Amino acid sequence: MPKDIVGRGWSFPIAINPQGGLSLTDENSEIVQAIRIILMTAPGQRVMRPTFGCRLHELVFAPNNVATATLAQRYVEEALKMWEPRINVV
């Protein structure tokens, strides 16, 4: 993937680098961190973007069965397709 699409961003969690500035991520680690943020955010948590996130939190106390696993897969696929255009969800 071209670097201009992947980009750079603040590290998550936000950290200070040895020079005293904000730590930045690059290339693939930026995408990994973006995916982590999407999956760890429940819809409604962000006031200015209420639909951002993944519905995985709804399954925390669901039974451990095939139906729940199927729902989890669907929720992850939907969230990543919606919020992370730099990846292909397969």
PDB file of N, CA and C in Angstrom:
ATOM      1  N   MET A   1       0.842  -1.172   0.000  1.00  0.00           N
ATOM      2  CA  MET A   1       0.000   0.000   0.000  1.00  0.00           C
ATOM      3  C   MET A   1       0.890   1.240   0.000  1.00  0.00           C
ATOM      4  N   PRO A   2       0.592   2.253  -0.820  1.00  0.00           N
ATOM      5  CA  PRO A   2       1.413   3.456  -0.855  1.00  0.00           C
ATOM      6  C   PRO A   2       1.428   4.176   0.496  1.00  0.00           C
ATOM      7  N   LYS A   3       2.577   4.749   0.843  1.00  0.00           N
ATOM      8  CA  LYS A   3       2.722   5.402   2.141  1.00  0.00           C
ATOM      9  C   LYS A   3       1.806   6.610   2.288  1.00  0.00           C
ATOM     10  N   ASP A   4       1.465   7.295   1.189  1.00  0.00           N
ATOM     11  CA  ASP A   4       0.605   8.469   1.309  1.00  0.00           C
ATOM     12  C   ASP A   4      -0.812   8.091   1.733  1.00  0.00           C
ATOM     13  N   ILE A   5      -1.210   6.852   1.510  1.00  0.00           N
ATOM     14  CA  ILE A   5      -2.522   6.391   1.960  1.00  0.00           C
ATOM     15  C   ILE A   5      -2.452   5.937   3.414  1.00  0.00           C
ATOM     16  N   VAL A   6      -1.383   5.254   3.773  1.00  0.00           N
ATOM     17  CA  VAL A   6      -1.252   4.741   5.137  1.00  0.00           C
ATOM     18  C   VAL A   6      -1.073   5.887   6.109  1.00  0.00           C
ATOM     19  N   GLY A   7      -0.141   6.768   5.856  1.00  0.00           N
ATOM     20  CA  GLY A   7       0.051   7.955   6.670  1.00  0.00           C
ATOM     21  C   GLY A   7       0.750   7.716   7.991  1.00  0.00           C
ATOM     22  N   ARG A   8       0.739   8.757   8.807  1.00  0.00           N
ATOM     23  CA  ARG A   8       1.327   8.727  10.145  1.00  0.00           C
ATOM     24  C   ARG A   8       0.322   9.339  11.100  1.00  0.00           C
ATOM     25  N   GLY A   9       0.488   9.048  12.370  1.00  0.00           N
ATOM     26  CA  GLY A   9      -0.409   9.622  13.364  1.00  0.00           C
ATOM     27  C   GLY A   9       0.170   9.506  14.751  1.00  0.00           C
ATOM     28  N   TRP A  10      -0.538  10.031  15.719  1.00  0.00           N
ATOM     29  CA  TRP A  10      -0.113   9.921  17.117  1.00  0.00           C
ATOM     30  C   TRP A  10      -0.165   8.465  17.530  1.00  0.00           C
ATOM     31  N   SER A  11       0.761   8.074  18.373  1.00  0.00           N
ATOM     32  CA  SER A  11       0.713   6.710  18.894  1.00  0.00           C
ATOM     33  C   SER A  11      -0.452   6.594  19.872  1.00  0.00           C
ATOM     34  N   PHE A  12      -0.940   5.399  20.042  1.00  0.00           N
ATOM     35  CA  PHE A  12      -2.024   5.155  20.993  1.00  0.00           C
ATOM     36  C   PHE A  12      -1.609   4.032  21.919  1.00  0.00           C
ATOM     37  N   PRO A  13      -1.629   4.241  23.213  1.00  0.00           N
ATOM     38  CA  PRO A  13      -1.986   5.494  23.870  1.00  0.00           C
ATOM     39  C   PRO A  13      -0.940   6.570  23.601  1.00  0.00           C
ATOM     40  N   ILE A  14      -1.365   7.826  23.750  1.00  0.00           N
ATOM     41  CA  ILE A  14      -0.478   8.959  23.498  1.00  0.00           C
ATOM     42  C   ILE A  14       0.734   8.859  24.415  1.00  0.00           C
ATOM     43  N   ALA A  15       1.917   9.058  23.834  1.00  0.00           N
ATOM     44  CA  ALA A  15       3.166   8.944  24.591  1.00  0.00           C
ATOM     45  C   ALA A  15       4.116  10.058  24.169  1.00  0.00           C
ATOM     46  N   ILE A  16       5.100  10.316  25.014  1.00  0.00           N
ATOM     47  CA  ILE A  16       6.121  11.321  24.742  1.00  0.00           C
ATOM     48  C   ILE A  16       7.374  10.617  24.221  1.00  0.00           C
ATOM     49  N   ASN A  17       7.967  11.149  23.156  1.00  0.00           N
ATOM     50  CA  ASN A  17       9.194  10.560  22.619  1.00  0.00           C
ATOM     51  C   ASN A  17      10.413  11.107  23.369  1.00  0.00           C
ATOM     52  N   PRO A  18      11.597  10.559  23.133  1.00  0.00           N
ATOM     53  CA  PRO A  18      12.798  11.005  23.856  1.00  0.00           C
ATOM     54  C   PRO A  18      13.128  12.489  23.663  1.00  0.00           C
ATOM     55  N   GLN A  19      12.674  13.085  22.574  1.00  0.00           N
ATOM     56  CA  GLN A  19      12.935  14.500  22.332  1.00  0.00           C
ATOM     57  C   GLN A  19      11.920  15.409  23.026  1.00  0.00           C
ATOM     58  N   GLY A  20      10.925  14.833  23.683  1.00  0.00           N
ATOM     59  CA  GLY A  20       9.917  15.610  24.397  1.00  0.00           C
ATOM     60  C   GLY A  20       8.663  15.900  23.592  1.00  0.00           C
ATOM     61  N   GLY A  21       8.602  15.420  22.365  1.00  0.00           N
ATOM     62  CA  GLY A  21       7.411  15.608  21.538  1.00  0.00           C
ATOM     63  C   GLY A  21       6.494  14.398  21.615  1.00  0.00           C
ATOM     64  N   LEU A  22       5.412  14.462  20.869  1.00  0.00           N
ATOM     65  CA  LEU A  22       4.480  13.335  20.829  1.00  0.00           C
ATOM     66  C   LEU A  22       5.052  12.210  19.980  1.00  0.00           C
ATOM     67  N   SER A  23       4.912  10.985  20.450  1.00  0.00           N
ATOM     68  CA  SER A  23       5.337   9.820  19.671  1.00  0.00           C
ATOM     69  C   SER A  23       4.387   9.639  18.500  1.00  0.00           C
ATOM     70  N   LEU A  24       4.956   9.372  17.350  1.00  0.00           N
ATOM     71  CA  LEU A  24       4.166   9.146  16.151  1.00  0.00           C
ATOM     72  C   LEU A  24       4.333   7.708  15.690  1.00  0.00           C
ATOM     73  N   THR A  25       3.303   7.199  15.050  1.00  0.00           N
ATOM     74  CA  THR A  25       3.381   5.867  14.460  1.00  0.00           C
ATOM     75  C   THR A  25       3.636   6.031  12.971  1.00  0.00           C
ATOM     76  N   ASP A  26       4.053   4.977  12.341  1.00  0.00           N
ATOM     77  CA  ASP A  26       4.254   5.046  10.905  1.00  0.00           C
ATOM     78  C   ASP A  26       3.783   3.755  10.252  1.00  0.00           C
ATOM     79  N   GLU A  27       3.464   3.883   9.004  1.00  0.00           N
ATOM     80  CA  GLU A  27       3.080   2.782   8.143  1.00  0.00           C
ATOM     81  C   GLU A  27       2.087   1.822   8.788  1.00  0.00           C
ATOM     82  N   ASN A  28       2.436   0.547   8.864  1.00  0.00           N
ATOM     83  CA  ASN A  28       1.479  -0.467   9.297  1.00  0.00           C
ATOM     84  C   ASN A  28       1.072  -0.348  10.753  1.00  0.00           C
ATOM     85  N   SER A  29       1.945   0.149  11.620  1.00  0.00           N
ATOM     86  CA  SER A  29       1.556   0.278  13.029  1.00  0.00           C
ATOM     87  C   SER A  29       0.430   1.295  13.185  1.00  0.00           C
ATOM     88  N   GLU A  30       0.352   2.272  12.295  1.00  0.00           N
ATOM     89  CA  GLU A  30      -0.754   3.236  12.312  1.00  0.00           C
ATOM     90  C   GLU A  30      -2.080   2.514  12.051  1.00  0.00           C
ATOM     91  N   ILE A  31      -2.085   1.606  11.103  1.00  0.00           N
ATOM     92  CA  ILE A  31      -3.307   0.866  10.781  1.00  0.00           C
ATOM     93  C   ILE A  31      -3.681  -0.075  11.919  1.00  0.00           C
ATOM     94  N   VAL A  32      -2.706  -0.756  12.493  1.00  0.00           N
ATOM     95  CA  VAL A  32      -2.976  -1.660  13.621  1.00  0.00           C
ATOM     96  C   VAL A  32      -3.599  -0.884  14.773  1.00  0.00           C
ATOM     97  N   GLN A  33      -3.060   0.278  15.082  1.00  0.00           N
ATOM     98  CA  GLN A  33      -3.607   1.082  16.173  1.00  0.00           C
ATOM     99  C   GLN A  33      -5.001   1.597  15.834  1.00  0.00           C
ATOM    100  N   ALA A  34      -5.237   1.970  14.585  1.00  0.00           N
ATOM    101  CA  ALA A  34      -6.561   2.431  14.179  1.00  0.00           C
ATOM    102  C   ALA A  34      -7.595   1.315  14.328  1.00  0.00           C
ATOM    103  N   ILE A  35      -7.229   0.100  13.944  1.00  0.00           N
ATOM    104  CA  ILE A  35      -8.137  -1.044  14.096  1.00  0.00           C
ATOM    105  C   ILE A  35      -8.440  -1.275  15.569  1.00  0.00           C
ATOM    106  N   ARG A  36      -7.430  -1.216  16.399  1.00  0.00           N
ATOM    107  CA  ARG A  36      -7.616  -1.409  17.839  1.00  0.00           C
ATOM    108  C   ARG A  36      -8.579  -0.358  18.407  1.00  0.00           C
ATOM    109  N   ILE A  37      -8.428   0.889  17.993  1.00  0.00           N
ATOM    110  CA  ILE A  37      -9.311   1.957  18.475  1.00  0.00           C
ATOM    111  C   ILE A  37     -10.750   1.693  18.041  1.00  0.00           C
ATOM    112  N   ILE A  38     -10.940   1.305  16.792  1.00  0.00           N
ATOM    113  CA  ILE A  38     -12.290   1.024  16.287  1.00  0.00           C
ATOM    114  C   ILE A  38     -12.939  -0.098  17.088  1.00  0.00           C
ATOM    115  N   LEU A  39     -12.211  -1.192  17.292  1.00  0.00           N
ATOM    116  CA  LEU A  39     -12.787  -2.354  17.971  1.00  0.00           C
ATOM    117  C   LEU A  39     -13.014  -2.111  19.458  1.00  0.00           C
ATOM    118  N   MET A  40     -12.241  -1.228  20.068  1.00  0.00           N
ATOM    119  CA  MET A  40     -12.373  -0.966  21.506  1.00  0.00           C
ATOM    120  C   MET A  40     -13.385   0.133  21.820  1.00  0.00           C
ATOM    121  N   THR A  41     -13.901   0.808  20.805  1.00  0.00           N
ATOM    122  CA  THR A  41     -14.852   1.895  21.013  1.00  0.00           C
ATOM    123  C   THR A  41     -16.266   1.396  20.741  1.00  0.00           C
ATOM    124  N   ALA A  42     -17.135   1.584  21.709  1.00  0.00           N
ATOM    125  CA  ALA A  42     -18.542   1.219  21.520  1.00  0.00           C
ATOM    126  C   ALA A  42     -19.270   2.378  20.845  1.00  0.00           C
ATOM    127  N   PRO A  43     -20.171   2.092  19.904  1.00  0.00           N
ATOM    128  CA  PRO A  43     -20.955   3.175  19.314  1.00  0.00           C
ATOM    129  C   PRO A  43     -21.654   3.977  20.412  1.00  0.00           C
ATOM    130  N   GLY A  44     -21.594   5.295  20.273  1.00  0.00           N
ATOM    131  CA  GLY A  44     -22.183   6.173  21.277  1.00  0.00           C
ATOM    132  C   GLY A  44     -21.167   6.749  22.243  1.00  0.00           C
ATOM    133  N   GLN A  45     -19.963   6.196  22.296  1.00  0.00           N
ATOM    134  CA  GLN A  45     -18.938   6.700  23.205  1.00  0.00           C
ATOM    135  C   GLN A  45     -18.398   8.052  22.768  1.00  0.00           C
ATOM    136  N   ARG A  46     -18.339   8.300  21.498  1.00  0.00           N
ATOM    137  CA  ARG A  46     -17.795   9.567  20.996  1.00  0.00           C
ATOM    138  C   ARG A  46     -18.948  10.516  20.701  1.00  0.00           C
ATOM    139  N   VAL A  47     -18.985  11.602  21.439  1.00  0.00           N
ATOM    140  CA  VAL A  47     -20.103  12.539  21.357  1.00  0.00           C
ATOM    141  C   VAL A  47     -20.261  13.118  19.951  1.00  0.00           C
ATOM    142  N   MET A  48     -19.173  13.519  19.337  1.00  0.00           N
ATOM    143  CA  MET A  48     -19.252  14.160  18.028  1.00  0.00           C
ATOM    144  C   MET A  48     -19.325  13.157  16.867  1.00  0.00           C
ATOM    145  N   ARG A  49     -19.181  11.884  17.168  1.00  0.00           N
ATOM    146  CA  ARG A  49     -19.266  10.847  16.136  1.00  0.00           C
ATOM    147  C   ARG A  49     -19.943   9.629  16.760  1.00  0.00           C
ATOM    148  N   PRO A  50     -21.244   9.722  17.018  1.00  0.00           N
ATOM    149  CA  PRO A  50     -21.933   8.688  17.796  1.00  0.00           C
ATOM    150  C   PRO A  50     -22.005   7.311  17.146  1.00  0.00           C
ATOM    151  N   THR A  51     -21.828   7.218  15.846  1.00  0.00           N
ATOM    152  CA  THR A  51     -21.892   5.905  15.206  1.00  0.00           C
ATOM    153  C   THR A  51     -20.521   5.241  15.093  1.00  0.00           C
ATOM    154  N   PHE A  52     -19.457   5.946  15.495  1.00  0.00           N
ATOM    155  CA  PHE A  52     -18.104   5.391  15.406  1.00  0.00           C
ATOM    156  C   PHE A  52     -17.937   4.238  16.381  1.00  0.00           C
ATOM    157  N   GLY A  53     -17.250   3.190  15.954  1.00  0.00           N
ATOM    158  CA  GLY A  53     -16.926   2.080  16.843  1.00  0.00           C
ATOM    159  C   GLY A  53     -17.461   0.755  16.337  1.00  0.00           C
ATOM    160  N   CYS A  54     -17.408  -0.215  17.233  1.00  0.00           N
ATOM    161  CA  CYS A  54     -17.803  -1.586  16.916  1.00  0.00           C
ATOM    162  C   CYS A  54     -18.757  -2.090  17.996  1.00  0.00           C
ATOM    163  N   ARG A  55     -19.725  -2.864  17.609  1.00  0.00           N
ATOM    164  CA  ARG A  55     -20.750  -3.347  18.539  1.00  0.00           C
ATOM    165  C   ARG A  55     -20.319  -4.565  19.351  1.00  0.00           C
ATOM    166  N   LEU A  56     -19.042  -4.912  19.342  1.00  0.00           N
ATOM    167  CA  LEU A  56     -18.564  -6.077  20.096  1.00  0.00           C
ATOM    168  C   LEU A  56     -18.941  -6.021  21.570  1.00  0.00           C
ATOM    169  N   HIS A  57     -19.010  -4.823  22.140  1.00  0.00           N
ATOM    170  CA  HIS A  57     -19.327  -4.682  23.561  1.00  0.00           C
ATOM    171  C   HIS A  57     -20.692  -5.277  23.911  1.00  0.00           C
ATOM    172  N   GLU A  58     -21.572  -5.352  22.933  1.00  0.00           N
ATOM    173  CA  GLU A  58     -22.901  -5.927  23.169  1.00  0.00           C
ATOM    174  C   GLU A  58     -22.831  -7.426  23.454  1.00  0.00           C
ATOM    175  N   LEU A  59     -21.720  -8.055  23.118  1.00  0.00           N
ATOM    176  CA  LEU A  59     -21.606  -9.510  23.237  1.00  0.00           C
ATOM    177  C   LEU A  59     -20.827  -9.962  24.468  1.00  0.00           C
ATOM    178  N   VAL A  60     -20.455  -9.051  25.333  1.00  0.00           N
ATOM    179  CA  VAL A  60     -19.606  -9.398  26.483  1.00  0.00           C
ATOM    180  C   VAL A  60     -20.222 -10.512  27.325  1.00  0.00           C
ATOM    181  N   PHE A  61     -21.502 -10.447  27.600  1.00  0.00           N
ATOM    182  CA  PHE A  61     -22.146 -11.449  28.450  1.00  0.00           C
ATOM    183  C   PHE A  61     -23.023 -12.418  27.656  1.00  0.00           C
ATOM    184  N   ALA A  62     -22.824 -12.464  26.350  1.00  0.00           N
ATOM    185  CA  ALA A  62     -23.587 -13.384  25.505  1.00  0.00           C
ATOM    186  C   ALA A  62     -23.043 -14.804  25.671  1.00  0.00           C
ATOM    187  N   PRO A  63     -23.865 -15.806  25.399  1.00  0.00           N
ATOM    188  CA  PRO A  63     -23.387 -17.189  25.501  1.00  0.00           C
ATOM    189  C   PRO A  63     -22.246 -17.451  24.516  1.00  0.00           C
ATOM    190  N   ASN A  64     -21.354 -18.328  24.901  1.00  0.00           N
ATOM    191  CA  ASN A  64     -20.224 -18.685  24.046  1.00  0.00           C
ATOM    192  C   ASN A  64     -20.667 -19.798  23.103  1.00  0.00           C
ATOM    193  N   ASN A  65     -21.262 -19.388  21.981  1.00  0.00           N
ATOM    194  CA  ASN A  65     -21.751 -20.375  21.019  1.00  0.00           C
ATOM    195  C   ASN A  65     -21.533 -19.869  19.592  1.00  0.00           C
ATOM    196  N   VAL A  66     -21.963 -20.648  18.633  1.00  0.00           N
ATOM    197  CA  VAL A  66     -21.748 -20.316  17.226  1.00  0.00           C
ATOM    198  C   VAL A  66     -22.473 -19.029  16.844  1.00  0.00           C
ATOM    199  N   ALA A  67     -23.664 -18.830  17.353  1.00  0.00           N
ATOM    200  CA  ALA A  67     -24.424 -17.624  17.020  1.00  0.00           C
ATOM    201  C   ALA A  67     -23.686 -16.369  17.477  1.00  0.00           C
ATOM    202  N   THR A  68     -23.134 -16.407  18.681  1.00  0.00           N
ATOM    203  CA  THR A  68     -22.390 -15.260  19.195  1.00  0.00           C
ATOM    204  C   THR A  68     -21.117 -15.036  18.381  1.00  0.00           C
ATOM    205  N   ALA A  69     -20.427 -16.101  18.032  1.00  0.00           N
ATOM    206  CA  ALA A  69     -19.212 -15.977  17.216  1.00  0.00           C
ATOM    207  C   ALA A  69     -19.530 -15.380  15.850  1.00  0.00           C
ATOM    208  N   THR A  70     -20.648 -15.789  15.270  1.00  0.00           N
ATOM    209  CA  THR A  70     -21.065 -15.255  13.975  1.00  0.00           C
ATOM    210  C   THR A  70     -21.386 -13.773  14.081  1.00  0.00           C
ATOM    211  N   LEU A  71     -22.088 -13.390  15.148  1.00  0.00           N
ATOM    212  CA  LEU A  71     -22.386 -11.975  15.367  1.00  0.00           C
ATOM    213  C   LEU A  71     -21.110 -11.163  15.560  1.00  0.00           C
ATOM    214  N   ALA A  72     -20.177 -11.687  16.336  1.00  0.00           N
ATOM    215  CA  ALA A  72     -18.910 -10.989  16.575  1.00  0.00           C
ATOM    216  C   ALA A  72     -18.182 -10.757  15.253  1.00  0.00           C
ATOM    217  N   GLN A  73     -18.136 -11.770  14.424  1.00  0.00           N
ATOM    218  CA  GLN A  73     -17.476 -11.635  13.123  1.00  0.00           C
ATOM    219  C   GLN A  73     -18.167 -10.570  12.282  1.00  0.00           C
ATOM    220  N   ARG A  74     -19.481 -10.587  12.262  1.00  0.00           N
ATOM    221  CA  ARG A  74     -20.234  -9.604  11.483  1.00  0.00           C
ATOM    222  C   ARG A  74     -20.001  -8.189  12.000  1.00  0.00           C
ATOM    223  N   TYR A  75     -20.022  -8.007  13.334  1.00  0.00           N
ATOM    224  CA  TYR A  75     -19.803  -6.681  13.915  1.00  0.00           C
ATOM    225  C   TYR A  75     -18.418  -6.144  13.566  1.00  0.00           C
ATOM    226  N   VAL A  76     -17.407  -6.999  13.636  1.00  0.00           N
ATOM    227  CA  VAL A  76     -16.039  -6.574  13.311  1.00  0.00           C
ATOM    228  C   VAL A  76     -15.943  -6.198  11.835  1.00  0.00           C
ATOM    229  N   GLU A  77     -16.474  -7.034  10.959  1.00  0.00           N
ATOM    230  CA  GLU A  77     -16.430  -6.747   9.523  1.00  0.00           C
ATOM    231  C   GLU A  77     -17.140  -5.440   9.198  1.00  0.00           C
ATOM    232  N   GLU A  78     -18.326  -5.226   9.769  1.00  0.00           N
ATOM    233  CA  GLU A  78     -19.083  -4.001   9.510  1.00  0.00           C
ATOM    234  C   GLU A  78     -18.312  -2.768   9.965  1.00  0.00           C
ATOM    235  N   ALA A  79     -17.758  -2.826  11.167  1.00  0.00           N
ATOM    236  CA  ALA A  79     -17.047  -1.670  11.713  1.00  0.00           C
ATOM    237  C   ALA A  79     -15.797  -1.350  10.900  1.00  0.00           C
ATOM    238  N   LEU A  80     -15.043  -2.373  10.542  1.00  0.00           N
ATOM    239  CA  LEU A  80     -13.809  -2.121   9.797  1.00  0.00           C
ATOM    240  C   LEU A  80     -14.095  -1.639   8.375  1.00  0.00           C
ATOM    241  N   LYS A  81     -15.125  -2.160   7.747  1.00  0.00           N
ATOM    242  CA  LYS A  81     -15.496  -1.674   6.412  1.00  0.00           C
ATOM    243  C   LYS A  81     -15.937  -0.215   6.471  1.00  0.00           C
ATOM    244  N   MET A  82     -16.627   0.146   7.534  1.00  0.00           N
ATOM    245  CA  MET A  82     -17.141   1.507   7.673  1.00  0.00           C
ATOM    246  C   MET A  82     -16.050   2.511   8.036  1.00  0.00           C
ATOM    247  N   TRP A  83     -15.160   2.149   8.961  1.00  0.00           N
ATOM    248  CA  TRP A  83     -14.260   3.132   9.568  1.00  0.00           C
ATOM    249  C   TRP A  83     -12.796   3.020   9.180  1.00  0.00           C
ATOM    250  N   GLU A  84     -12.382   1.984   8.501  1.00  0.00           N
ATOM    251  CA  GLU A  84     -10.957   1.869   8.132  1.00  0.00           C
ATOM    252  C   GLU A  84     -10.824   1.555   6.644  1.00  0.00           C
ATOM    253  N   PRO A  85     -10.833   2.608   5.809  1.00  0.00           N
ATOM    254  CA  PRO A  85     -10.785   2.397   4.361  1.00  0.00           C
ATOM    255  C   PRO A  85      -9.423   1.939   3.840  1.00  0.00           C
ATOM    256  N   ARG A  86      -8.395   1.964   4.687  1.00  0.00           N
ATOM    257  CA  ARG A  86      -7.049   1.592   4.230  1.00  0.00           C
ATOM    258  C   ARG A  86      -6.820   0.089   4.199  1.00  0.00           C
ATOM    259  N   ILE A  87      -7.808  -0.698   4.634  1.00  0.00           N
ATOM    260  CA  ILE A  87      -7.639  -2.150   4.642  1.00  0.00           C
ATOM    261  C   ILE A  87      -8.746  -2.812   3.830  1.00  0.00           C
ATOM    262  N   ASN A  88      -8.489  -4.047   3.435  1.00  0.00           N
ATOM    263  CA  ASN A  88      -9.505  -4.885   2.800  1.00  0.00           C
ATOM    264  C   ASN A  88      -9.910  -5.944   3.806  1.00  0.00           C
ATOM    265  N   VAL A  89     -11.184  -5.993   4.139  1.00  0.00           N
ATOM    266  CA  VAL A  89     -11.689  -6.984   5.082  1.00  0.00           C
ATOM    267  C   VAL A  89     -12.079  -8.217   4.291  1.00  0.00           C
ATOM    268  N   VAL A  90     -11.510  -9.363   4.679  1.00  0.00           N
ATOM    269  CA  VAL A  90     -11.832 -10.608   3.972  1.00  0.00           C
ATOM    270  C   VAL A  90     -12.551 -11.565   4.887  1.00  0.00           C
TER     271      VAL A  90
END
